[in-house]
């Protein structure tokens, strides 16, 4: 369920960060931009009444990519943890885990599935307890959505 939620969140982020170029700067009503020395509107703003504002820099994230961590083998009766890391210069926006093997025993207890602590998280952390009665060996893998 969490994996579905994070995949949905990643989809929403991707669609919000589409390459649609929209003006984000407010138009100035009091500035002299677009006016000639005589005080008349210049040719680029005649008829519009206001100069058009254009962003000078990209606002927000422009790309989100999902990365997977190293598979983690957890034997029956053990606890273990692993990370999925973002590349340098990117920020973790979500993540999760996946059990990559089928197991016959009791499902493991996931202790943590969260972003790395800090103001700009760059990894997704998972910790699992596989010591339930009837537990079997399993392989899990963390994944992280990274925005740049």
C-alpha atoms as a PDB file:
ATOM      1  CA  UNK A   1       0.000   0.000   0.000  1.00  0.00           C
ATOM      2  CA  UNK A   2       2.803   2.415   0.901  1.00  0.00           C
ATOM      3  CA  UNK A   3       4.626   1.588  -2.309  1.00  0.00           C
ATOM      4  CA  UNK A   4       1.501   2.442  -4.298  1.00  0.00           C
ATOM      5  CA  UNK A   5       1.173   5.722  -2.409  1.00  0.00           C
ATOM      6  CA  UNK A   6       4.781   6.697  -3.086  1.00  0.00           C
ATOM      7  CA  UNK A   7       4.510   5.742  -6.755  1.00  0.00           C
ATOM      8  CA  UNK A   8       1.376   7.897  -6.972  1.00  0.00           C
ATOM      9  CA  UNK A   9       3.204  10.752  -5.237  1.00  0.00           C
ATOM     10  CA  UNK A  10       6.127  10.421  -7.661  1.00  0.00           C
ATOM     11  CA  UNK A  11       3.680  10.546 -10.592  1.00  0.00           C
ATOM     12  CA  UNK A  12       2.063  13.702  -9.222  1.00  0.00           C
ATOM     13  CA  UNK A  13       5.478  15.317  -8.753  1.00  0.00           C
ATOM     14  CA  UNK A  14       6.513  14.368 -12.282  1.00  0.00           C
ATOM     15  CA  UNK A  15       3.356  15.840 -13.781  1.00  0.00           C
ATOM     16  CA  UNK A  16       3.702  18.994 -11.673  1.00  0.00           C
ATOM     17  CA  UNK A  17       7.282  19.391 -12.864  1.00  0.00           C
ATOM     18  CA  UNK A  18       6.395  19.060 -16.553  1.00  0.00           C
ATOM     19  CA  UNK A  19       8.206  21.211 -19.062  1.00  0.00           C
ATOM     20  CA  UNK A  20       5.268  23.611 -19.431  1.00  0.00           C
ATOM     21  CA  UNK A  21       6.728  27.110 -19.341  1.00  0.00           C
ATOM     22  CA  UNK A  22       4.450  29.397 -17.358  1.00  0.00           C
ATOM     23  CA  UNK A  23       5.188  32.913 -16.218  1.00  0.00           C
ATOM     24  CA  UNK A  24       5.870  32.904 -12.490  1.00  0.00           C
ATOM     25  CA  UNK A  25       6.973  36.509 -11.913  1.00  0.00           C
ATOM     26  CA  UNK A  26       4.305  39.093 -11.084  1.00  0.00           C
ATOM     27  CA  UNK A  27       3.692  41.914 -13.534  1.00  0.00           C
ATOM     28  CA  UNK A  28       4.835  45.347 -12.386  1.00  0.00           C
ATOM     29  CA  UNK A  29       2.232  48.118 -12.458  1.00  0.00           C
ATOM     30  CA  UNK A  30       4.383  50.943 -11.174  1.00  0.00           C
ATOM     31  CA  UNK A  31       7.736  50.354 -12.876  1.00  0.00           C
ATOM     32  CA  UNK A  32       8.992  52.175 -15.950  1.00  0.00           C
ATOM     33  CA  UNK A  33       9.789  48.976 -17.841  1.00  0.00           C
ATOM     34  CA  UNK A  34       8.437  49.114 -21.368  1.00  0.00           C
ATOM     35  CA  UNK A  35       8.072  52.926 -21.385  1.00  0.00           C
ATOM     36  CA  UNK A  36       9.939  55.220 -23.705  1.00  0.00           C
ATOM     37  CA  UNK A  37      11.640  58.457 -22.597  1.00  0.00           C
ATOM     38  CA  UNK A  38       8.417  60.318 -23.417  1.00  0.00           C
ATOM     39  CA  UNK A  39       6.478  58.117 -20.983  1.00  0.00           C
ATOM     40  CA  UNK A  40       4.591  56.214 -23.676  1.00  0.00           C
ATOM     41  CA  UNK A  41       4.399  52.451 -23.708  1.00  0.00           C
ATOM     42  CA  UNK A  42       7.082  50.877 -25.853  1.00  0.00           C
ATOM     43  CA  UNK A  43       6.203  48.731 -28.869  1.00  0.00           C
ATOM     44  CA  UNK A  44       6.514  45.452 -26.917  1.00  0.00           C
ATOM     45  CA  UNK A  45       3.776  46.443 -24.467  1.00  0.00           C
ATOM     46  CA  UNK A  46       1.480  48.675 -26.493  1.00  0.00           C
ATOM     47  CA  UNK A  47      -2.093  47.533 -26.208  1.00  0.00           C
ATOM     48  CA  UNK A  48      -1.333  45.298 -23.239  1.00  0.00           C
ATOM     49  CA  UNK A  49      -0.982  48.020 -20.629  1.00  0.00           C
ATOM     50  CA  UNK A  50       1.648  46.021 -18.697  1.00  0.00           C
ATOM     51  CA  UNK A  51       5.046  44.636 -19.587  1.00  0.00           C
ATOM     52  CA  UNK A  52       5.129  40.839 -19.773  1.00  0.00           C
ATOM     53  CA  UNK A  53       7.069  39.171 -16.976  1.00  0.00           C
ATOM     54  CA  UNK A  54       9.294  36.191 -17.720  1.00  0.00           C
ATOM     55  CA  UNK A  55      11.174  34.025 -15.227  1.00  0.00           C
ATOM     56  CA  UNK A  56      14.921  34.468 -15.315  1.00  0.00           C
ATOM     57  CA  UNK A  57      15.632  31.153 -13.603  1.00  0.00           C
ATOM     58  CA  UNK A  58      14.084  27.695 -13.329  1.00  0.00           C
ATOM     59  CA  UNK A  59      11.722  27.525 -10.367  1.00  0.00           C
ATOM     60  CA  UNK A  60      11.491  24.245  -8.414  1.00  0.00           C
ATOM     61  CA  UNK A  61      12.599  20.773  -9.453  1.00  0.00           C
ATOM     62  CA  UNK A  62      12.952  19.858 -13.095  1.00  0.00           C
ATOM     63  CA  UNK A  63      13.503  16.089 -12.896  1.00  0.00           C
ATOM     64  CA  UNK A  64      12.557  13.182 -10.591  1.00  0.00           C
ATOM     65  CA  UNK A  65      14.285   9.799 -10.937  1.00  0.00           C
ATOM     66  CA  UNK A  66      13.805   6.597  -8.902  1.00  0.00           C
ATOM     67  CA  UNK A  67      16.942   4.772  -7.707  1.00  0.00           C
ATOM     68  CA  UNK A  68      17.162   1.380  -5.983  1.00  0.00           C
ATOM     69  CA  UNK A  69      19.532   0.327  -3.241  1.00  0.00           C
ATOM     70  CA  UNK A  70      21.523  -2.858  -2.859  1.00  0.00           C
ATOM     71  CA  UNK A  71      19.355  -5.924  -2.190  1.00  0.00           C
ATOM     72  CA  UNK A  72      19.297  -6.876   1.501  1.00  0.00           C
ATOM     73  CA  UNK A  73      19.160 -10.554   2.504  1.00  0.00           C
ATOM     74  CA  UNK A  74      17.552 -11.047   5.909  1.00  0.00           C
ATOM     75  CA  UNK A  75      17.722 -14.541   7.386  1.00  0.00           C
ATOM     76  CA  UNK A  76      15.018 -15.879   9.701  1.00  0.00           C
ATOM     77  CA  UNK A  77      15.549 -14.558  13.234  1.00  0.00           C
ATOM     78  CA  UNK A  78      17.570 -11.500  12.158  1.00  0.00           C
ATOM     79  CA  UNK A  79      17.107  -7.723  12.031  1.00  0.00           C
ATOM     80  CA  UNK A  80      18.803  -5.617   9.378  1.00  0.00           C
ATOM     81  CA  UNK A  81      18.708  -2.214   7.653  1.00  0.00           C
ATOM     82  CA  UNK A  82      19.750  -0.657   4.350  1.00  0.00           C
ATOM     83  CA  UNK A  83      19.571   2.564   2.301  1.00  0.00           C
ATOM     84  CA  UNK A  84      18.760   3.661  -1.219  1.00  0.00           C
ATOM     85  CA  UNK A  85      20.833   6.790  -1.941  1.00  0.00           C
ATOM     86  CA  UNK A  86      20.240   9.774  -4.201  1.00  0.00           C
ATOM     87  CA  UNK A  87      23.114  11.070  -6.338  1.00  0.00           C
ATOM     88  CA  UNK A  88      24.945  14.194  -5.209  1.00  0.00           C
ATOM     89  CA  UNK A  89      22.965  17.375  -5.833  1.00  0.00           C
ATOM     90  CA  UNK A  90      19.532  15.723  -5.611  1.00  0.00           C
ATOM     91  CA  UNK A  91      16.952  15.518  -2.804  1.00  0.00           C
ATOM     92  CA  UNK A  92      14.908  12.507  -1.677  1.00  0.00           C
ATOM     93  CA  UNK A  93      11.206  13.235  -2.199  1.00  0.00           C
ATOM     94  CA  UNK A  94       9.853   9.797  -1.315  1.00  0.00           C
ATOM     95  CA  UNK A  95      10.709   6.144  -1.238  1.00  0.00           C
ATOM     96  CA  UNK A  96       9.809   2.707  -0.044  1.00  0.00           C
ATOM     97  CA  UNK A  97      10.826  -0.923  -0.234  1.00  0.00           C
ATOM     98  CA  UNK A  98      10.018  -4.075  -2.089  1.00  0.00           C
ATOM     99  CA  UNK A  99      10.378  -7.748  -1.176  1.00  0.00           C
ATOM    100  CA  UNK A 100      12.189  -9.163  -4.207  1.00  0.00           C
ATOM    101  CA  UNK A 101      11.904 -12.863  -3.330  1.00  0.00           C
ATOM    102  CA  UNK A 102       8.927 -14.990  -2.539  1.00  0.00           C
ATOM    103  CA  UNK A 103       8.981 -16.466   0.929  1.00  0.00           C
ATOM    104  CA  UNK A 104       6.890 -19.169   2.496  1.00  0.00           C
ATOM    105  CA  UNK A 105       6.985 -18.038   6.121  1.00  0.00           C
ATOM    106  CA  UNK A 106       5.506 -15.192   8.121  1.00  0.00           C
ATOM    107  CA  UNK A 107       5.854 -11.690   6.686  1.00  0.00           C
ATOM    108  CA  UNK A 108       8.650  -9.569   8.204  1.00  0.00           C
ATOM    109  CA  UNK A 109       7.972  -6.630  10.504  1.00  0.00           C
ATOM    110  CA  UNK A 110       9.195  -3.377   8.922  1.00  0.00           C
ATOM    111  CA  UNK A 111      10.593  -1.198  11.705  1.00  0.00           C
ATOM    112  CA  UNK A 112      11.378   1.874   9.583  1.00  0.00           C
ATOM    113  CA  UNK A 113      10.679   3.050   6.051  1.00  0.00           C
ATOM    114  CA  UNK A 114      11.456   6.755   5.940  1.00  0.00           C
ATOM    115  CA  UNK A 115      13.685   9.418   4.488  1.00  0.00           C
ATOM    116  CA  UNK A 116      17.055  10.069   6.016  1.00  0.00           C
ATOM    117  CA  UNK A 117      16.887  12.654   8.806  1.00  0.00           C
ATOM    118  CA  UNK A 118      18.042  16.196   8.055  1.00  0.00           C
ATOM    119  CA  UNK A 119      16.972  19.367   6.279  1.00  0.00           C
ATOM    120  CA  UNK A 120      17.726  17.974   2.807  1.00  0.00           C
ATOM    121  CA  UNK A 121      17.315  14.180   2.863  1.00  0.00           C
ATOM    122  CA  UNK A 122      19.345  12.305   0.260  1.00  0.00           C
ATOM    123  CA  UNK A 123      18.412   8.678   1.019  1.00  0.00           C
ATOM    124  CA  UNK A 124      15.570   6.340   1.962  1.00  0.00           C
ATOM    125  CA  UNK A 125      16.122   4.088   4.974  1.00  0.00           C
ATOM    126  CA  UNK A 126      14.471   0.748   5.710  1.00  0.00           C
ATOM    127  CA  UNK A 127      14.878  -1.506   8.749  1.00  0.00           C
ATOM    128  CA  UNK A 128      13.252  -4.909   9.087  1.00  0.00           C
ATOM    129  CA  UNK A 129      12.781  -7.487  11.838  1.00  0.00           C
ATOM    130  CA  UNK A 130      12.482 -11.016  10.457  1.00  0.00           C
ATOM    131  CA  UNK A 131      12.198 -12.890  13.767  1.00  0.00           C
ATOM    132  CA  UNK A 132       8.471 -13.683  13.756  1.00  0.00           C
ATOM    133  CA  UNK A 133       7.484 -17.336  14.325  1.00  0.00           C
ATOM    134  CA  UNK A 134       7.571 -19.138  10.985  1.00  0.00           C
ATOM    135  CA  UNK A 135       9.833 -16.509   9.361  1.00  0.00           C
ATOM    136  CA  UNK A 136      11.814 -17.466   6.264  1.00  0.00           C
ATOM    137  CA  UNK A 137      14.840 -15.939   4.518  1.00  0.00           C
ATOM    138  CA  UNK A 138      13.891 -12.986   2.316  1.00  0.00           C
ATOM    139  CA  UNK A 139      15.485 -10.343   0.119  1.00  0.00           C
ATOM    140  CA  UNK A 140      14.321  -6.727   0.348  1.00  0.00           C
ATOM    141  CA  UNK A 141      15.368  -3.664  -1.593  1.00  0.00           C
ATOM    142  CA  UNK A 142      14.889   0.036  -0.777  1.00  0.00           C
ATOM    143  CA  UNK A 143      14.023   2.580  -3.465  1.00  0.00           C
ATOM    144  CA  UNK A 144      14.086   6.375  -3.408  1.00  0.00           C
ATOM    145  CA  UNK A 145      12.641   9.139  -5.621  1.00  0.00           C
ATOM    146  CA  UNK A 146      15.267  11.851  -6.153  1.00  0.00           C
ATOM    147  CA  UNK A 147      14.506  15.337  -7.471  1.00  0.00           C
ATOM    148  CA  UNK A 148      16.975  17.736  -9.043  1.00  0.00           C
END
